[in-house]
Every structure is written in structure tokens, then in C-alpha cells.
C-alpha atoms as a PDB file:
ATOM      1  CA  MET A   1     -20.845  21.457  15.305  1.00  0.00           C
ATOM      2  CA  GLY A   2     -20.490  23.655  18.405  1.00  0.00           C
ATOM      3  CA  ARG A   3     -19.731  27.346  18.228  1.00  0.00           C
ATOM      4  CA  VAL A   4     -19.747  29.058  14.863  1.00  0.00           C
ATOM      5  CA  LYS A   5     -17.758  32.233  14.275  1.00  0.00           C
ATOM      6  CA  VAL A   6     -19.272  35.036  12.197  1.00  0.00           C
ATOM      7  CA  ALA A   7     -16.676  37.487  10.932  1.00  0.00           C
ATOM      8  CA  GLY A   8     -17.149  41.208  11.331  1.00  0.00           C
ATOM      9  CA  GLU A   9     -15.102  44.391  11.213  1.00  0.00           C
ATOM     10  CA  ASN A  10     -15.931  45.284  14.819  1.00  0.00           C
ATOM     11  CA  ARG A  11     -13.749  42.921  16.873  1.00  0.00           C
ATOM     12  CA  GLU A  12     -13.582  45.184  19.917  1.00  0.00           C
ATOM     13  CA  HIS A  13     -15.694  42.858  22.067  1.00  0.00           C
ATOM     14  CA  GLY A  14     -15.880  39.134  22.633  1.00  0.00           C
ATOM     15  CA  VAL A  15     -19.506  38.228  21.840  1.00  0.00           C
ATOM     16  CA  VAL A  16     -21.248  34.868  22.189  1.00  0.00           C
ATOM     17  CA  VAL A  17     -24.902  34.356  21.279  1.00  0.00           C
ATOM     18  CA  TYR A  18     -26.606  31.320  22.808  1.00  0.00           C
ATOM     19  CA  SER A  19     -29.604  30.637  20.617  1.00  0.00           C
ATOM     20  CA  LEU A  20     -32.090  28.153  19.223  1.00  0.00           C
ATOM     21  CA  SER A  21     -32.022  27.401  15.500  1.00  0.00           C
ATOM     22  CA  SER A  22     -35.710  28.234  14.966  1.00  0.00           C
ATOM     23  CA  CYS A  23     -35.905  31.228  17.331  1.00  0.00           C
ATOM     24  CA  THR A  24     -37.078  34.416  15.590  1.00  0.00           C
ATOM     25  CA  PRO A  25     -35.638  36.803  18.237  1.00  0.00           C
ATOM     26  CA  CYS A  26     -32.331  34.905  17.969  1.00  0.00           C
ATOM     27  CA  LYS A  27     -32.262  35.392  14.209  1.00  0.00           C
ATOM     28  CA  LYS A  28     -33.087  39.088  14.613  1.00  0.00           C
ATOM     29  CA  THR A  29     -30.246  39.470  17.124  1.00  0.00           C
ATOM     30  CA  MET A  30     -27.703  37.806  14.860  1.00  0.00           C
ATOM     31  CA  ARG A  31     -28.897  39.803  11.835  1.00  0.00           C
ATOM     32  CA  LEU A  32     -28.538  43.050  13.844  1.00  0.00           C
ATOM     33  CA  LEU A  33     -25.015  42.122  14.961  1.00  0.00           C
ATOM     34  CA  GLU A  34     -24.076  41.377  11.351  1.00  0.00           C
ATOM     35  CA  ASN A  35     -25.604  44.664  10.149  1.00  0.00           C
ATOM     36  CA  MET A  36     -23.543  46.515  12.773  1.00  0.00           C
ATOM     37  CA  GLY A  37     -20.410  44.660  11.627  1.00  0.00           C
ATOM     38  CA  VAL A  38     -19.889  42.945  14.992  1.00  0.00           C
ATOM     39  CA  GLU A  39     -17.812  39.777  14.992  1.00  0.00           C
ATOM     40  CA  TYR A  40     -19.452  37.132  17.184  1.00  0.00           C
ATOM     41  CA  GLU A  41     -19.805  33.446  17.853  1.00  0.00           C
ATOM     42  CA  TYR A  42     -23.068  31.582  18.221  1.00  0.00           C
ATOM     43  CA  ILE A  43     -24.162  28.194  19.397  1.00  0.00           C
ATOM     44  CA  HIS A  44     -27.564  26.730  18.592  1.00  0.00           C
ATOM     45  CA  MET A  45     -28.411  24.970  21.843  1.00  0.00           C
ATOM     46  CA  ASP A  46     -31.003  22.727  20.184  1.00  0.00           C
ATOM     47  CA  THR A  47     -28.726  21.312  17.484  1.00  0.00           C
ATOM     48  CA  VAL A  48     -25.456  20.590  19.304  1.00  0.00           C
ATOM     49  CA  ASP A  49     -24.721  17.193  20.755  1.00  0.00           C
ATOM     50  CA  PRO A  50     -25.624  16.628  24.414  1.00  0.00           C
ATOM     51  CA  GLU A  51     -22.021  16.952  25.613  1.00  0.00           C
ATOM     52  CA  GLU A  52     -21.553  20.350  23.948  1.00  0.00           C
ATOM     53  CA  ARG A  53     -24.954  21.495  25.211  1.00  0.00           C
ATOM     54  CA  GLY A  54     -23.937  20.509  28.740  1.00  0.00           C
ATOM     55  CA  GLU A  55     -20.689  22.465  28.451  1.00  0.00           C
ATOM     56  CA  ALA A  56     -22.577  25.495  27.128  1.00  0.00           C
ATOM     57  CA  MET A  57     -25.085  25.279  29.995  1.00  0.00           C
ATOM     58  CA  VAL A  58     -22.196  25.303  32.486  1.00  0.00           C
ATOM     59  CA  GLU A  59     -20.787  28.411  30.731  1.00  0.00           C
ATOM     60  CA  LEU A  60     -24.204  30.066  30.870  1.00  0.00           C
ATOM     61  CA  GLY A  61     -24.448  29.336  34.576  1.00  0.00           C
ATOM     62  CA  GLU A  62     -21.545  31.730  35.113  1.00  0.00           C
ATOM     63  CA  PHE A  63     -23.507  34.560  33.489  1.00  0.00           C
ATOM     64  CA  LEU A  64     -26.965  33.831  34.879  1.00  0.00           C
ATOM     65  CA  PRO A  65     -26.509  33.527  38.635  1.00  0.00           C
ATOM     66  CA  GLY A  66     -29.724  33.311  40.588  1.00  0.00           C
ATOM     67  CA  ARG A  67     -31.951  33.305  37.530  1.00  0.00           C
ATOM     68  CA  GLY A  68     -33.166  29.751  38.028  1.00  0.00           C
ATOM     69  CA  ILE A  69     -33.428  27.150  35.310  1.00  0.00           C
ATOM     70  CA  GLN A  70     -35.934  28.875  33.013  1.00  0.00           C
ATOM     71  CA  LEU A  71     -34.100  30.283  30.037  1.00  0.00           C
ATOM     72  CA  ALA A  72     -35.182  32.674  27.329  1.00  0.00           C
ATOM     73  CA  TYR A  73     -33.266  32.964  24.097  1.00  0.00           C
ATOM     74  CA  PRO A  74     -31.189  34.528  22.774  1.00  0.00           C
ATOM     75  CA  ILE A  75     -28.692  35.036  25.552  1.00  0.00           C
ATOM     76  CA  ILE A  76     -25.932  37.395  24.464  1.00  0.00           C
ATOM     77  CA  VAL A  77     -22.730  37.496  26.519  1.00  0.00           C
ATOM     78  CA  ILE A  78     -20.362  40.381  25.822  1.00  0.00           C
ATOM     79  CA  ASP A  79     -16.793  40.348  27.148  1.00  0.00           C
ATOM     80  CA  ASP A  80     -17.877  37.916  29.892  1.00  0.00           C
ATOM     81  CA  LEU A  81     -19.257  41.012  31.674  1.00  0.00           C
ATOM     82  CA  ILE A  82     -22.558  41.981  30.052  1.00  0.00           C
ATOM     83  CA  THR A  83     -25.475  39.599  29.611  1.00  0.00           C
ATOM     84  CA  ILE A  84     -28.498  40.522  27.514  1.00  0.00           C
ATOM     85  CA  ILE A  85     -31.452  38.153  27.547  1.00  0.00           C
ATOM     86  CA  GLY A  86     -33.831  38.306  24.630  1.00  0.00           C
ATOM     87  CA  PHE A  87     -33.737  40.565  21.596  1.00  0.00           C
ATOM     88  CA  SER A  88     -33.047  44.176  22.550  1.00  0.00           C
ATOM     89  CA  GLU A  89     -31.928  46.411  19.718  1.00  0.00           C
ATOM     90  CA  ARG A  90     -31.627  49.343  22.114  1.00  0.00           C
ATOM     91  CA  LYS A  91     -29.266  47.514  24.467  1.00  0.00           C
ATOM     92  CA  LEU A  92     -27.158  46.082  21.654  1.00  0.00           C
ATOM     93  CA  ARG A  93     -26.803  49.435  19.936  1.00  0.00           C
ATOM     94  CA  LYS A  94     -25.871  51.042  23.249  1.00  0.00           C
ATOM     95  CA  VAL A  95     -23.001  48.581  23.758  1.00  0.00           C
ATOM     96  CA  PHE A  96     -21.676  48.533  20.218  1.00  0.00           C
ATOM     97  CA  GLU A  97     -22.316  52.092  19.103  1.00  0.00           C
ATOM     98  CA  GLU A  98     -22.066  54.085  22.336  1.00  0.00           C
ATOM     99  CA  GLY A  99     -19.991  51.860  24.614  1.00  0.00           C
ATOM    100  CA  PRO A 100     -21.229  50.055  27.759  1.00  0.00           C
END
């Protein structure tokens, strides 16, 4: 299935959420983005086929230099410049309501 786009009125930023389908913090993050009207894409790393997961891991490697192989979800990438690991309402509101 790959990336899924969720429509929103706020299209100012390119947002990708790397998540797990059963991850509570991931669900909270996506619900918050929707409540703020942010358009975003997500990919559930545990439900995509191995080839897509491999491609996504390569993408993530660009945003997680030097962090090793342990990952925590969700990983939110904004405009290919800002990476937020884990659920952080404060950080997300700062980006989308106040600007980076």
C-alpha cells in the first residue's frame, strides 16, 4: 500500500509520518495533525511490503544521521528539514501554529 495521503487545509509544509499501525503515540500524532488541519502522508512500516519498507528505511537514514539503528515511532519529517521523534504536541504545535 505504501504512503497514504491525508488531506488537510494546511498544505504549507511537506509532512511524512513514519509509523507503526498499532502504535498509540503514532495514532495520537496523526490525530493531532488532522485536528490542526495539516495535510500529511504516512507509511505504516509494519504493514508495507519488504521492498517498500527498505525504501522507507533508506529515506529515514537521511533524516536520522548518527542515531544508530534503534528507532522509536512515530518519526515525523517536515519539509525534509525538521525531524521529530515520538509524540510531541508541543513541538508539532510550534511548527504548525508558530512557525519553525
